[in-house]
């Protein structure tokens, strides 16, 4: 696709594992100029973002908050009060400027050193 359409400037790739495979393939093609957007925060994706390499943004789930919401819904259901058909937790938008804060908010622990490297915005 990239060879046939060299004018492509950005890609959205669902989930981080396929995005990482695309990044590796793009590096082989010497096309590290593309901006990659994906879904889900993990260490390797965060490291690319922290270094300013290709990963320009992502939207991620909030598993801790989803668990809290489901637990509260379960308690309400057990008490006979369940007006909800489903529960949605707002996704978290992560960009280089909020990567460190996002890591804390999503993972609920300090980011690894590779993510806290110099030049990363807090």
PDB file of N, CA and C in Angstrom:
ATOM      1  N   UNK A   1       0.825  -1.185   0.000  1.00  0.00           N
ATOM      2  CA  UNK A   1       0.000   0.000   0.000  1.00  0.00           C
ATOM      3  C   UNK A   1       0.877   1.261   0.000  1.00  0.00           C
ATOM      4  N   UNK A   2       1.897   1.278   0.823  1.00  0.00           N
ATOM      5  CA  UNK A   2       2.771   2.443   0.924  1.00  0.00           C
ATOM      6  C   UNK A   2       3.575   2.618  -0.365  1.00  0.00           C
ATOM      7  N   UNK A   3       4.011   1.519  -0.946  1.00  0.00           N
ATOM      8  CA  UNK A   3       4.757   1.621  -2.200  1.00  0.00           C
ATOM      9  C   UNK A   3       3.867   2.130  -3.328  1.00  0.00           C
ATOM     10  N   UNK A   4       2.602   1.739  -3.351  1.00  0.00           N
ATOM     11  CA  UNK A   4       1.673   2.190  -4.397  1.00  0.00           C
ATOM     12  C   UNK A   4       1.180   3.612  -4.162  1.00  0.00           C
ATOM     13  N   UNK A   5       1.159   4.033  -2.899  1.00  0.00           N
ATOM     14  CA  UNK A   5       0.654   5.365  -2.538  1.00  0.00           C
ATOM     15  C   UNK A   5       1.667   6.071  -1.644  1.00  0.00           C
ATOM     16  N   UNK A   6       2.792   6.490  -2.191  1.00  0.00           N
ATOM     17  CA  UNK A   6       3.852   7.089  -1.379  1.00  0.00           C
ATOM     18  C   UNK A   6       3.470   8.425  -0.750  1.00  0.00           C
ATOM     19  N   UNK A   7       2.347   9.004  -1.173  1.00  0.00           N
ATOM     20  CA  UNK A   7       1.915  10.287  -0.608  1.00  0.00           C
ATOM     21  C   UNK A   7       1.198  10.136   0.731  1.00  0.00           C
ATOM     22  N   UNK A   8       0.972   8.896   1.173  1.00  0.00           N
ATOM     23  CA  UNK A   8       0.330   8.669   2.474  1.00  0.00           C
ATOM     24  C   UNK A   8       1.223   9.258   3.565  1.00  0.00           C
ATOM     25  N   UNK A   9       0.607  10.013   4.480  1.00  0.00           N
ATOM     26  CA  UNK A   9       1.371  10.673   5.539  1.00  0.00           C
ATOM     27  C   UNK A   9       1.111  10.100   6.928  1.00  0.00           C
ATOM     28  N   UNK A  10      -0.002   9.373   7.073  1.00  0.00           N
ATOM     29  CA  UNK A  10      -0.350   8.837   8.389  1.00  0.00           C
ATOM     30  C   UNK A  10      -1.184   7.574   8.214  1.00  0.00           C
ATOM     31  N   UNK A  11      -1.134   6.734   9.233  1.00  0.00           N
ATOM     32  CA  UNK A  11      -1.926   5.508   9.245  1.00  0.00           C
ATOM     33  C   UNK A  11      -2.590   5.349  10.602  1.00  0.00           C
ATOM     34  N   UNK A  12      -3.836   4.872  10.581  1.00  0.00           N
ATOM     35  CA  UNK A  12      -4.475   4.411  11.812  1.00  0.00           C
ATOM     36  C   UNK A  12      -4.475   2.896  11.737  1.00  0.00           C
ATOM     37  N   UNK A  13      -3.922   2.267  12.758  1.00  0.00           N
ATOM     38  CA  UNK A  13      -3.832   0.814  12.785  1.00  0.00           C
ATOM     39  C   UNK A  13      -4.432   0.340  14.101  1.00  0.00           C
ATOM     40  N   UNK A  14      -5.503  -0.436  14.000  1.00  0.00           N
ATOM     41  CA  UNK A  14      -6.173  -0.919  15.215  1.00  0.00           C
ATOM     42  C   UNK A  14      -5.243  -1.807  16.028  1.00  0.00           C
ATOM     43  N   UNK A  15      -5.191  -1.518  17.308  1.00  0.00           N
ATOM     44  CA  UNK A  15      -4.428  -2.260  18.308  1.00  0.00           C
ATOM     45  C   UNK A  15      -2.932  -2.081  18.136  1.00  0.00           C
ATOM     46  N   UNK A  16      -2.241  -2.213  19.257  1.00  0.00           N
ATOM     47  CA  UNK A  16      -0.811  -1.917  19.285  1.00  0.00           C
ATOM     48  C   UNK A  16       0.044  -2.984  18.614  1.00  0.00           C
ATOM     49  N   UNK A  17      -0.297  -4.244  18.700  1.00  0.00           N
ATOM     50  CA  UNK A  17       0.552  -5.290  18.091  1.00  0.00           C
ATOM     51  C   UNK A  17       0.618  -5.140  16.568  1.00  0.00           C
ATOM     52  N   UNK A  18      -0.520  -5.008  15.858  1.00  0.00           N
ATOM     53  CA  UNK A  18      -0.421  -4.760  14.416  1.00  0.00           C
ATOM     54  C   UNK A  18       0.289  -3.441  14.103  1.00  0.00           C
ATOM     55  N   UNK A  19       0.119  -2.434  14.947  1.00  0.00           N
ATOM     56  CA  UNK A  19       0.810  -1.155  14.732  1.00  0.00           C
ATOM     57  C   UNK A  19       2.319  -1.345  14.827  1.00  0.00           C
ATOM     58  N   UNK A  20       2.765  -2.143  15.784  1.00  0.00           N
ATOM     59  CA  UNK A  20       4.202  -2.404  15.922  1.00  0.00           C
ATOM     60  C   UNK A  20       4.742  -3.153  14.706  1.00  0.00           C
ATOM     61  N   UNK A  21       3.966  -4.082  14.170  1.00  0.00           N
ATOM     62  CA  UNK A  21       4.381  -4.788  12.962  1.00  0.00           C
ATOM     63  C   UNK A  21       4.477  -3.821  11.787  1.00  0.00           C
ATOM     64  N   UNK A  22       3.515  -2.895  11.684  1.00  0.00           N
ATOM     65  CA  UNK A  22       3.538  -1.899  10.610  1.00  0.00           C
ATOM     66  C   UNK A  22       4.756  -0.988  10.752  1.00  0.00           C
ATOM     67  N   UNK A  23       5.074  -0.597  11.977  1.00  0.00           N
ATOM     68  CA  UNK A  23       6.245   0.259  12.201  1.00  0.00           C
ATOM     69  C   UNK A  23       7.505  -0.454  11.716  1.00  0.00           C
ATOM     70  N   UNK A  24       7.639  -1.728  12.055  1.00  0.00           N
ATOM     71  CA  UNK A  24       8.818  -2.479  11.613  1.00  0.00           C
ATOM     72  C   UNK A  24       8.880  -2.558  10.084  1.00  0.00           C
ATOM     73  N   UNK A  25       7.732  -2.799   9.459  1.00  0.00           N
ATOM     74  CA  UNK A  25       7.690  -2.871   7.991  1.00  0.00           C
ATOM     75  C   UNK A  25       8.012  -1.512   7.373  1.00  0.00           C
ATOM     76  N   UNK A  26       7.502  -0.445   7.950  1.00  0.00           N
ATOM     77  CA  UNK A  26       7.790   0.894   7.437  1.00  0.00           C
ATOM     78  C   UNK A  26       9.266   1.238   7.578  1.00  0.00           C
ATOM     79  N   UNK A  27       9.882   0.801   8.656  1.00  0.00           N
ATOM     80  CA  UNK A  27      11.320   1.035   8.833  1.00  0.00           C
ATOM     81  C   UNK A  27      12.112   0.309   7.748  1.00  0.00           C
ATOM     82  N   UNK A  28      11.688  -0.906   7.409  1.00  0.00           N
ATOM     83  CA  UNK A  28      12.353  -1.640   6.335  1.00  0.00           C
ATOM     84  C   UNK A  28      12.228  -0.900   5.004  1.00  0.00           C
ATOM     85  N   UNK A  29      11.108  -0.216   4.802  1.00  0.00           N
ATOM     86  CA  UNK A  29      10.885   0.565   3.579  1.00  0.00           C
ATOM     87  C   UNK A  29      11.517   1.953   3.654  1.00  0.00           C
ATOM     88  N   UNK A  30      12.186   2.236   4.776  1.00  0.00           N
ATOM     89  CA  UNK A  30      12.785   3.569   5.006  1.00  0.00           C
ATOM     90  C   UNK A  30      11.721   4.667   4.968  1.00  0.00           C
ATOM     91  N   UNK A  31      10.529   4.376   5.550  1.00  0.00           N
ATOM     92  CA  UNK A  31       9.427   5.332   5.594  1.00  0.00           C
ATOM     93  C   UNK A  31       9.092   5.671   7.037  1.00  0.00           C
ATOM     94  N   UNK A  32      10.066   6.176   7.762  1.00  0.00           N
ATOM     95  CA  UNK A  32       9.850   6.550   9.156  1.00  0.00           C
ATOM     96  C   UNK A  32       9.246   7.938   9.287  1.00  0.00           C
ATOM     97  N   UNK A  33       8.835   8.519   8.166  1.00  0.00           N
ATOM     98  CA  UNK A  33       8.225   9.841   8.159  1.00  0.00           C
ATOM     99  C   UNK A  33       6.711   9.791   8.376  1.00  0.00           C
ATOM    100  N   UNK A  34       6.112   8.621   8.390  1.00  0.00           N
ATOM    101  CA  UNK A  34       4.672   8.504   8.576  1.00  0.00           C
ATOM    102  C   UNK A  34       4.302   8.639  10.047  1.00  0.00           C
ATOM    103  N   UNK A  35       3.155   9.232  10.297  1.00  0.00           N
ATOM    104  CA  UNK A  35       2.610   9.310  11.660  1.00  0.00           C
ATOM    105  C   UNK A  35       1.693   8.100  11.864  1.00  0.00           C
ATOM    106  N   UNK A  36       1.905   7.401  12.944  1.00  0.00           N
ATOM    107  CA  UNK A  36       1.100   6.226  13.264  1.00  0.00           C
ATOM    108  C   UNK A  36       0.170   6.570  14.421  1.00  0.00           C
ATOM    109  N   UNK A  37      -1.089   6.211  14.265  1.00  0.00           N
ATOM    110  CA  UNK A  37      -2.088   6.341  15.315  1.00  0.00           C
ATOM    111  C   UNK A  37      -2.645   4.945  15.557  1.00  0.00           C
ATOM    112  N   UNK A  38      -2.851   4.607  16.815  1.00  0.00           N
ATOM    113  CA  UNK A  38      -3.309   3.261  17.129  1.00  0.00           C
ATOM    114  C   UNK A  38      -4.192   3.282  18.365  1.00  0.00           C
ATOM    115  N   UNK A  39      -4.530   2.106  18.832  1.00  0.00           N
ATOM    116  CA  UNK A  39      -5.395   1.939  19.980  1.00  0.00           C
ATOM    117  C   UNK A  39      -4.681   1.075  20.995  1.00  0.00           C
ATOM    118  N   UNK A  40      -4.639   1.513  22.206  1.00  0.00           N
ATOM    119  CA  UNK A  40      -4.121   0.795  23.367  1.00  0.00           C
ATOM    120  C   UNK A  40      -2.687   1.201  23.677  1.00  0.00           C
ATOM    121  N   UNK A  41      -2.443   1.420  24.936  1.00  0.00           N
ATOM    122  CA  UNK A  41      -1.135   1.849  25.419  1.00  0.00           C
ATOM    123  C   UNK A  41      -0.386   0.647  25.961  1.00  0.00           C
ATOM    124  N   UNK A  42       0.798   0.421  25.443  1.00  0.00           N
ATOM    125  CA  UNK A  42       1.679  -0.583  26.028  1.00  0.00           C
ATOM    126  C   UNK A  42       3.092  -0.019  26.035  1.00  0.00           C
ATOM    127  N   UNK A  43       3.984  -0.735  26.625  1.00  0.00           N
ATOM    128  CA  UNK A  43       5.344  -0.229  26.837  1.00  0.00           C
ATOM    129  C   UNK A  43       6.056   0.110  25.527  1.00  0.00           C
ATOM    130  N   UNK A  44       6.024  -0.782  24.561  1.00  0.00           N
ATOM    131  CA  UNK A  44       6.775  -0.561  23.329  1.00  0.00           C
ATOM    132  C   UNK A  44       6.203   0.619  22.529  1.00  0.00           C
ATOM    133  N   UNK A  45       4.899   0.711  22.449  1.00  0.00           N
ATOM    134  CA  UNK A  45       4.267   1.851  21.767  1.00  0.00           C
ATOM    135  C   UNK A  45       4.643   3.143  22.492  1.00  0.00           C
ATOM    136  N   UNK A  46       4.604   3.116  23.824  1.00  0.00           N
ATOM    137  CA  UNK A  46       4.965   4.303  24.609  1.00  0.00           C
ATOM    138  C   UNK A  46       6.422   4.694  24.386  1.00  0.00           C
ATOM    139  N   UNK A  47       7.305   3.709  24.241  1.00  0.00           N
ATOM    140  CA  UNK A  47       8.711   4.006  23.988  1.00  0.00           C
ATOM    141  C   UNK A  47       8.882   4.704  22.638  1.00  0.00           C
ATOM    142  N   UNK A  48       8.193   4.235  21.614  1.00  0.00           N
ATOM    143  CA  UNK A  48       8.251   4.913  20.310  1.00  0.00           C
ATOM    144  C   UNK A  48       7.770   6.356  20.443  1.00  0.00           C
ATOM    145  N   UNK A  49       6.661   6.537  21.145  1.00  0.00           N
ATOM    146  CA  UNK A  49       6.106   7.879  21.310  1.00  0.00           C
ATOM    147  C   UNK A  49       7.086   8.759  22.091  1.00  0.00           C
ATOM    148  N   UNK A  50       7.672   8.224  23.143  1.00  0.00           N
ATOM    149  CA  UNK A  50       8.599   8.994  23.972  1.00  0.00           C
ATOM    150  C   UNK A  50       9.822   9.451  23.177  1.00  0.00           C
ATOM    151  N   UNK A  51      10.262   8.606  22.242  1.00  0.00           N
ATOM    152  CA  UNK A  51      11.424   8.959  21.418  1.00  0.00           C
ATOM    153  C   UNK A  51      11.048   9.836  20.219  1.00  0.00           C
ATOM    154  N   UNK A  52       9.750  10.076  20.037  1.00  0.00           N
ATOM    155  CA  UNK A  52       9.309  10.870  18.891  1.00  0.00           C
ATOM    156  C   UNK A  52       9.390  10.114  17.584  1.00  0.00           C
ATOM    157  N   UNK A  53       9.323   8.803  17.673  1.00  0.00           N
ATOM    158  CA  UNK A  53       9.437   7.951  16.485  1.00  0.00           C
ATOM    159  C   UNK A  53       8.067   7.445  16.050  1.00  0.00           C
ATOM    160  N   UNK A  54       7.518   8.021  15.049  1.00  0.00           N
ATOM    161  CA  UNK A  54       6.350   7.562  14.304  1.00  0.00           C
ATOM    162  C   UNK A  54       5.030   7.577  15.069  1.00  0.00           C
ATOM    163  N   UNK A  55       4.975   7.120  16.305  1.00  0.00           N
ATOM    164  CA  UNK A  55       3.700   7.045  17.028  1.00  0.00           C
ATOM    165  C   UNK A  55       3.310   8.445  17.483  1.00  0.00           C
ATOM    166  N   UNK A  56       2.310   8.998  16.820  1.00  0.00           N
ATOM    167  CA  UNK A  56       1.895  10.377  17.081  1.00  0.00           C
ATOM    168  C   UNK A  56       0.734  10.473  18.057  1.00  0.00           C
ATOM    169  N   UNK A  57      -0.027   9.405  18.197  1.00  0.00           N
ATOM    170  CA  UNK A  57      -1.154   9.454  19.111  1.00  0.00           C
ATOM    171  C   UNK A  57      -1.862   8.119  19.194  1.00  0.00           C
ATOM    172  N   UNK A  58      -2.609   7.969  20.253  1.00  0.00           N
ATOM    173  CA  UNK A  58      -3.401   6.758  20.401  1.00  0.00           C
ATOM    174  C   UNK A  58      -4.590   7.024  21.308  1.00  0.00           C
ATOM    175  N   UNK A  59      -5.540   6.169  21.181  1.00  0.00           N
ATOM    176  CA  UNK A  59      -6.691   6.169  22.069  1.00  0.00           C
ATOM    177  C   UNK A  59      -6.613   4.863  22.824  1.00  0.00           C
ATOM    178  N   UNK A  60      -6.858   4.906  24.099  1.00  0.00           N
ATOM    179  CA  UNK A  60      -6.688   3.681  24.866  1.00  0.00           C
ATOM    180  C   UNK A  60      -7.860   3.426  25.800  1.00  0.00           C
ATOM    181  N   UNK A  61      -8.012   2.173  26.107  1.00  0.00           N
ATOM    182  CA  UNK A  61      -9.022   1.777  27.085  1.00  0.00           C
ATOM    183  C   UNK A  61      -8.571   2.223  28.470  1.00  0.00           C
ATOM    184  N   UNK A  62      -9.503   2.177  29.382  1.00  0.00           N
ATOM    185  CA  UNK A  62      -9.201   2.497  30.775  1.00  0.00           C
ATOM    186  C   UNK A  62      -9.648   1.303  31.617  1.00  0.00           C
ATOM    187  N   UNK A  63      -8.830   0.229  31.645  1.00  0.00           N
ATOM    188  CA  UNK A  63      -9.270  -1.018  32.268  1.00  0.00           C
ATOM    189  C   UNK A  63      -9.586  -0.901  33.753  1.00  0.00           C
ATOM    190  N   UNK A  64      -8.832  -0.098  34.485  1.00  0.00           N
ATOM    191  CA  UNK A  64      -9.105   0.056  35.918  1.00  0.00           C
ATOM    192  C   UNK A  64     -10.481   0.677  36.125  1.00  0.00           C
ATOM    193  N   UNK A  65     -10.747   1.765  35.399  1.00  0.00           N
ATOM    194  CA  UNK A  65     -12.032   2.452  35.533  1.00  0.00           C
ATOM    195  C   UNK A  65     -13.172   1.571  35.042  1.00  0.00           C
ATOM    196  N   UNK A  66     -12.915   0.772  33.994  1.00  0.00           N
ATOM    197  CA  UNK A  66     -13.936  -0.162  33.506  1.00  0.00           C
ATOM    198  C   UNK A  66     -14.259  -1.183  34.589  1.00  0.00           C
ATOM    199  N   UNK A  67     -13.232  -1.682  35.280  1.00  0.00           N
ATOM    200  CA  UNK A  67     -13.467  -2.640  36.362  1.00  0.00           C
ATOM    201  C   UNK A  67     -14.265  -2.042  37.498  1.00  0.00           C
ATOM    202  N   UNK A  68     -13.954  -0.797  37.869  1.00  0.00           N
ATOM    203  CA  UNK A  68     -14.709  -0.111  38.925  1.00  0.00           C
ATOM    204  C   UNK A  68     -16.169   0.053  38.501  1.00  0.00           C
ATOM    205  N   UNK A  69     -16.397   0.475  37.269  1.00  0.00           N
ATOM    206  CA  UNK A  69     -17.761   0.681  36.785  1.00  0.00           C
ATOM    207  C   UNK A  69     -18.547  -0.625  36.773  1.00  0.00           C
ATOM    208  N   UNK A  70     -17.919  -1.704  36.339  1.00  0.00           N
ATOM    209  CA  UNK A  70     -18.594  -2.999  36.309  1.00  0.00           C
ATOM    210  C   UNK A  70     -18.879  -3.487  37.730  1.00  0.00           C
ATOM    211  N   UNK A  71     -17.945  -3.275  38.649  1.00  0.00           N
ATOM    212  CA  UNK A  71     -18.169  -3.667  40.047  1.00  0.00           C
ATOM    213  C   UNK A  71     -19.348  -2.898  40.647  1.00  0.00           C
ATOM    214  N   UNK A  72     -19.407  -1.601  40.367  1.00  0.00           N
ATOM    215  CA  UNK A  72     -20.523  -0.801  40.874  1.00  0.00           C
ATOM    216  C   UNK A  72     -21.846  -1.258  40.261  1.00  0.00           C
ATOM    217  N   UNK A  73     -21.832  -1.541  38.979  1.00  0.00           N
ATOM    218  CA  UNK A  73     -23.037  -2.025  38.308  1.00  0.00           C
ATOM    219  C   UNK A  73     -23.475  -3.365  38.885  1.00  0.00           C
ATOM    220  N   UNK A  74     -22.519  -4.236  39.156  1.00  0.00           N
ATOM    221  CA  UNK A  74     -22.827  -5.542  39.750  1.00  0.00           C
ATOM    222  C   UNK A  74     -23.458  -5.370  41.124  1.00  0.00           C
ATOM    223  N   UNK A  75     -22.892  -4.489  41.939  1.00  0.00           N
ATOM    224  CA  UNK A  75     -23.452  -4.239  43.274  1.00  0.00           C
ATOM    225  C   UNK A  75     -24.880  -3.703  43.167  1.00  0.00           C
ATOM    226  N   UNK A  76     -25.107  -2.760  42.264  1.00  0.00           N
ATOM    227  CA  UNK A  76     -26.459  -2.219  42.083  1.00  0.00           C
ATOM    228  C   UNK A  76     -27.427  -3.303  41.627  1.00  0.00           C
ATOM    229  N   UNK A  77     -26.967  -4.173  40.740  1.00  0.00           N
ATOM    230  CA  UNK A  77     -27.822  -5.262  40.256  1.00  0.00           C
ATOM    231  C   UNK A  77     -28.180  -6.202  41.400  1.00  0.00           C
ATOM    232  N   UNK A  78     -27.186  -6.536  42.237  1.00  0.00           N
ATOM    233  CA  UNK A  78     -27.454  -7.430  43.369  1.00  0.00           C
ATOM    234  C   UNK A  78     -28.420  -6.806  44.372  1.00  0.00           C
ATOM    235  N   UNK A  79     -28.445  -5.469  44.425  1.00  0.00           N
ATOM    236  CA  UNK A  79     -29.370  -4.767  45.309  1.00  0.00           C
ATOM    237  C   UNK A  79     -30.721  -4.495  44.641  1.00  0.00           C
ATOM    238  N   UNK A  80     -30.871  -4.993  43.412  1.00  0.00           N
ATOM    239  CA  UNK A  80     -32.140  -4.836  42.706  1.00  0.00           C
ATOM    240  C   UNK A  80     -32.291  -3.515  41.970  1.00  0.00           C
ATOM    241  N   UNK A  81     -31.241  -2.777  41.826  1.00  0.00           N
ATOM    242  CA  UNK A  81     -31.292  -1.482  41.147  1.00  0.00           C
ATOM    243  C   UNK A  81     -30.326  -1.507  39.960  1.00  0.00           C
ATOM    244  N   UNK A  82     -30.862  -1.831  38.780  1.00  0.00           N
ATOM    245  CA  UNK A  82     -30.009  -1.899  37.598  1.00  0.00           C
ATOM    246  C   UNK A  82     -30.696  -1.239  36.406  1.00  0.00           C
ATOM    247  N   UNK A  83     -30.589   0.070  36.293  1.00  0.00           N
ATOM    248  CA  UNK A  83     -31.217   0.742  35.156  1.00  0.00           C
ATOM    249  C   UNK A  83     -30.344   0.737  33.896  1.00  0.00           C
ATOM    250  N   UNK A  84     -29.157   0.124  33.947  1.00  0.00           N
ATOM    251  CA  UNK A  84     -28.218   0.206  32.837  1.00  0.00           C
ATOM    252  C   UNK A  84     -28.253  -1.045  31.963  1.00  0.00           C
ATOM    253  N   UNK A  85     -28.198  -0.847  30.665  1.00  0.00           N
ATOM    254  CA  UNK A  85     -28.110  -1.970  29.734  1.00  0.00           C
ATOM    255  C   UNK A  85     -26.647  -2.283  29.415  1.00  0.00           C
ATOM    256  N   UNK A  86     -25.803  -1.263  29.436  1.00  0.00           N
ATOM    257  CA  UNK A  86     -24.376  -1.432  29.203  1.00  0.00           C
ATOM    258  C   UNK A  86     -23.632  -0.266  29.833  1.00  0.00           C
ATOM    259  N   UNK A  87     -22.330  -0.439  29.984  1.00  0.00           N
ATOM    260  CA  UNK A  87     -21.497   0.584  30.597  1.00  0.00           C
ATOM    261  C   UNK A  87     -20.388   0.950  29.623  1.00  0.00           C
ATOM    262  N   UNK A  88     -20.161   2.241  29.476  1.00  0.00           N
ATOM    263  CA  UNK A  88     -19.091   2.717  28.601  1.00  0.00           C
ATOM    264  C   UNK A  88     -18.183   3.627  29.419  1.00  0.00           C
ATOM    265  N   UNK A  89     -16.902   3.422  29.264  1.00  0.00           N
ATOM    266  CA  UNK A  89     -15.908   4.290  29.882  1.00  0.00           C
ATOM    267  C   UNK A  89     -15.262   5.090  28.753  1.00  0.00           C
ATOM    268  N   UNK A  90     -15.194   6.382  28.927  1.00  0.00           N
ATOM    269  CA  UNK A  90     -14.599   7.253  27.917  1.00  0.00           C
ATOM    270  C   UNK A  90     -13.157   6.838  27.639  1.00  0.00           C
ATOM    271  N   UNK A  91     -12.775   6.633  26.375  1.00  0.00           N
ATOM    272  CA  UNK A  91     -11.372   6.313  26.082  1.00  0.00           C
ATOM    273  C   UNK A  91     -10.455   7.485  26.447  1.00  0.00           C
ATOM    274  N   UNK A  92      -9.197   7.204  26.553  1.00  0.00           N
ATOM    275  CA  UNK A  92      -8.195   8.182  26.929  1.00  0.00           C
ATOM    276  C   UNK A  92      -7.344   8.483  25.702  1.00  0.00           C
ATOM    277  N   UNK A  93      -7.266   9.730  25.317  1.00  0.00           N
ATOM    278  CA  UNK A  93      -6.453  10.153  24.180  1.00  0.00           C
ATOM    279  C   UNK A  93      -5.040  10.447  24.658  1.00  0.00           C
ATOM    280  N   UNK A  94      -4.060   9.773  24.064  1.00  0.00           N
ATOM    281  CA  UNK A  94      -2.665   9.928  24.469  1.00  0.00           C
ATOM    282  C   UNK A  94      -1.873  10.535  23.317  1.00  0.00           C
ATOM    283  N   UNK A  95      -1.142  11.580  23.638  1.00  0.00           N
ATOM    284  CA  UNK A  95      -0.239  12.243  22.702  1.00  0.00           C
ATOM    285  C   UNK A  95       1.097  12.421  23.411  1.00  0.00           C
ATOM    286  N   UNK A  96       2.150  12.728  22.671  1.00  0.00           N
ATOM    287  CA  UNK A  96       3.444  12.890  23.346  1.00  0.00           C
ATOM    288  C   UNK A  96       3.404  13.868  24.518  1.00  0.00           C
ATOM    289  N   UNK A  97       2.630  14.926  24.409  1.00  0.00           N
ATOM    290  CA  UNK A  97       2.606  15.936  25.470  1.00  0.00           C
ATOM    291  C   UNK A  97       1.971  15.446  26.764  1.00  0.00           C
ATOM    292  N   UNK A  98       1.166  14.378  26.732  1.00  0.00           N
ATOM    293  CA  UNK A  98       0.543  13.888  27.962  1.00  0.00           C
ATOM    294  C   UNK A  98       0.883  12.420  28.246  1.00  0.00           C
ATOM    295  N   UNK A  99       1.932  11.919  27.632  1.00  0.00           N
ATOM    296  CA  UNK A  99       2.282  10.499  27.761  1.00  0.00           C
ATOM    297  C   UNK A  99       2.540  10.083  29.203  1.00  0.00           C
ATOM    298  N   UNK A 100       3.326  10.837  29.937  1.00  0.00           N
ATOM    299  CA  UNK A 100       3.657  10.452  31.319  1.00  0.00           C
ATOM    300  C   UNK A 100       2.401  10.454  32.184  1.00  0.00           C
ATOM    301  N   UNK A 101       1.601  11.503  32.091  1.00  0.00           N
ATOM    302  CA  UNK A 101       0.353  11.591  32.863  1.00  0.00           C
ATOM    303  C   UNK A 101      -0.587  10.455  32.458  1.00  0.00           C
ATOM    304  N   UNK A 102      -0.675  10.178  31.156  1.00  0.00           N
ATOM    305  CA  UNK A 102      -1.555   9.111  30.674  1.00  0.00           C
ATOM    306  C   UNK A 102      -1.118   7.756  31.235  1.00  0.00           C
ATOM    307  N   UNK A 103       0.200   7.519  31.264  1.00  0.00           N
ATOM    308  CA  UNK A 103       0.687   6.248  31.801  1.00  0.00           C
ATOM    309  C   UNK A 103       0.227   6.088  33.255  1.00  0.00           C
ATOM    310  N   UNK A 104       0.404   7.127  34.040  1.00  0.00           N
ATOM    311  CA  UNK A 104      -0.044   7.090  35.443  1.00  0.00           C
ATOM    312  C   UNK A 104      -1.554   6.850  35.522  1.00  0.00           C
ATOM    313  N   UNK A 105      -2.322   7.565  34.715  1.00  0.00           N
ATOM    314  CA  UNK A 105      -3.786   7.476  34.766  1.00  0.00           C
ATOM    315  C   UNK A 105      -4.313   6.124  34.296  1.00  0.00           C
ATOM    316  N   UNK A 106      -3.663   5.519  33.324  1.00  0.00           N
ATOM    317  CA  UNK A 106      -4.163   4.275  32.733  1.00  0.00           C
ATOM    318  C   UNK A 106      -3.592   3.040  33.421  1.00  0.00           C
ATOM    319  N   UNK A 107      -2.285   3.018  33.607  1.00  0.00           N
ATOM    320  CA  UNK A 107      -1.608   1.842  34.157  1.00  0.00           C
ATOM    321  C   UNK A 107      -1.602   1.858  35.687  1.00  0.00           C
ATOM    322  N   UNK A 108      -1.726   3.044  36.277  1.00  0.00           N
ATOM    323  CA  UNK A 108      -1.728   3.208  37.737  1.00  0.00           C
ATOM    324  C   UNK A 108      -0.408   2.792  38.381  1.00  0.00           C
ATOM    325  N   UNK A 109       0.680   3.104  37.683  1.00  0.00           N
ATOM    326  CA  UNK A 109       2.018   2.911  38.234  1.00  0.00           C
ATOM    327  C   UNK A 109       2.970   3.845  37.480  1.00  0.00           C
ATOM    328  N   UNK A 110       4.152   4.071  38.019  1.00  0.00           N
ATOM    329  CA  UNK A 110       5.101   4.946  37.319  1.00  0.00           C
ATOM    330  C   UNK A 110       5.504   4.343  35.973  1.00  0.00           C
ATOM    331  N   UNK A 111       5.728   5.196  34.988  1.00  0.00           N
ATOM    332  CA  UNK A 111       6.161   4.670  33.684  1.00  0.00           C
ATOM    333  C   UNK A 111       7.578   4.136  33.749  1.00  0.00           C
ATOM    334  N   UNK A 112       7.905   3.182  32.876  1.00  0.00           N
ATOM    335  CA  UNK A 112       9.282   2.674  32.844  1.00  0.00           C
ATOM    336  C   UNK A 112      10.253   3.768  32.410  1.00  0.00           C
ATOM    337  N   UNK A 113      11.503   3.593  32.745  1.00  0.00           N
ATOM    338  CA  UNK A 113      12.541   4.586  32.435  1.00  0.00           C
ATOM    339  C   UNK A 113      12.565   4.940  30.954  1.00  0.00           C
ATOM    340  N   UNK A 114      12.390   3.971  30.077  1.00  0.00           N
ATOM    341  CA  UNK A 114      12.431   4.226  28.636  1.00  0.00           C
ATOM    342  C   UNK A 114      11.338   5.194  28.194  1.00  0.00           C
ATOM    343  N   UNK A 115      10.254   5.229  28.934  1.00  0.00           N
ATOM    344  CA  UNK A 115       9.148   6.125  28.610  1.00  0.00           C
ATOM    345  C   UNK A 115       9.393   7.502  29.226  1.00  0.00           C
ATOM    346  N   UNK A 116      10.150   7.545  30.329  1.00  0.00           N
ATOM    347  CA  UNK A 116      10.449   8.818  31.007  1.00  0.00           C
ATOM    348  C   UNK A 116      11.710   9.468  30.471  1.00  0.00           C
ATOM    349  N   UNK A 117      12.204   9.035  29.328  1.00  0.00           N
ATOM    350  CA  UNK A 117      13.476   9.531  28.801  1.00  0.00           C
ATOM    351  C   UNK A 117      13.443  11.044  28.558  1.00  0.00           C
ATOM    352  N   UNK A 118      14.588  11.671  28.486  1.00  0.00           N
ATOM    353  CA  UNK A 118      14.658  13.110  28.251  1.00  0.00           C
ATOM    354  C   UNK A 118      13.930  13.499  26.978  1.00  0.00           C
ATOM    355  N   UNK A 119      13.298  14.645  27.024  1.00  0.00           N
ATOM    356  CA  UNK A 119      12.584  15.142  25.864  1.00  0.00           C
ATOM    357  C   UNK A 119      11.116  14.778  25.858  1.00  0.00           C
ATOM    358  N   UNK A 120      10.690  13.965  26.818  1.00  0.00           N
ATOM    359  CA  UNK A 120       9.285  13.569  26.878  1.00  0.00           C
ATOM    360  C   UNK A 120       8.539  14.613  27.696  1.00  0.00           C
ATOM    361  N   UNK A 121       7.414  15.047  27.196  1.00  0.00           N
ATOM    362  CA  UNK A 121       6.586  16.005  27.909  1.00  0.00           C
ATOM    363  C   UNK A 121       5.863  15.313  29.052  1.00  0.00           C
ATOM    364  N   UNK A 122       5.564  16.029  30.123  1.00  0.00           N
ATOM    365  CA  UNK A 122       4.836  15.437  31.244  1.00  0.00           C
ATOM    366  C   UNK A 122       3.402  15.900  31.248  1.00  0.00           C
TER     367      UNK A 122
END
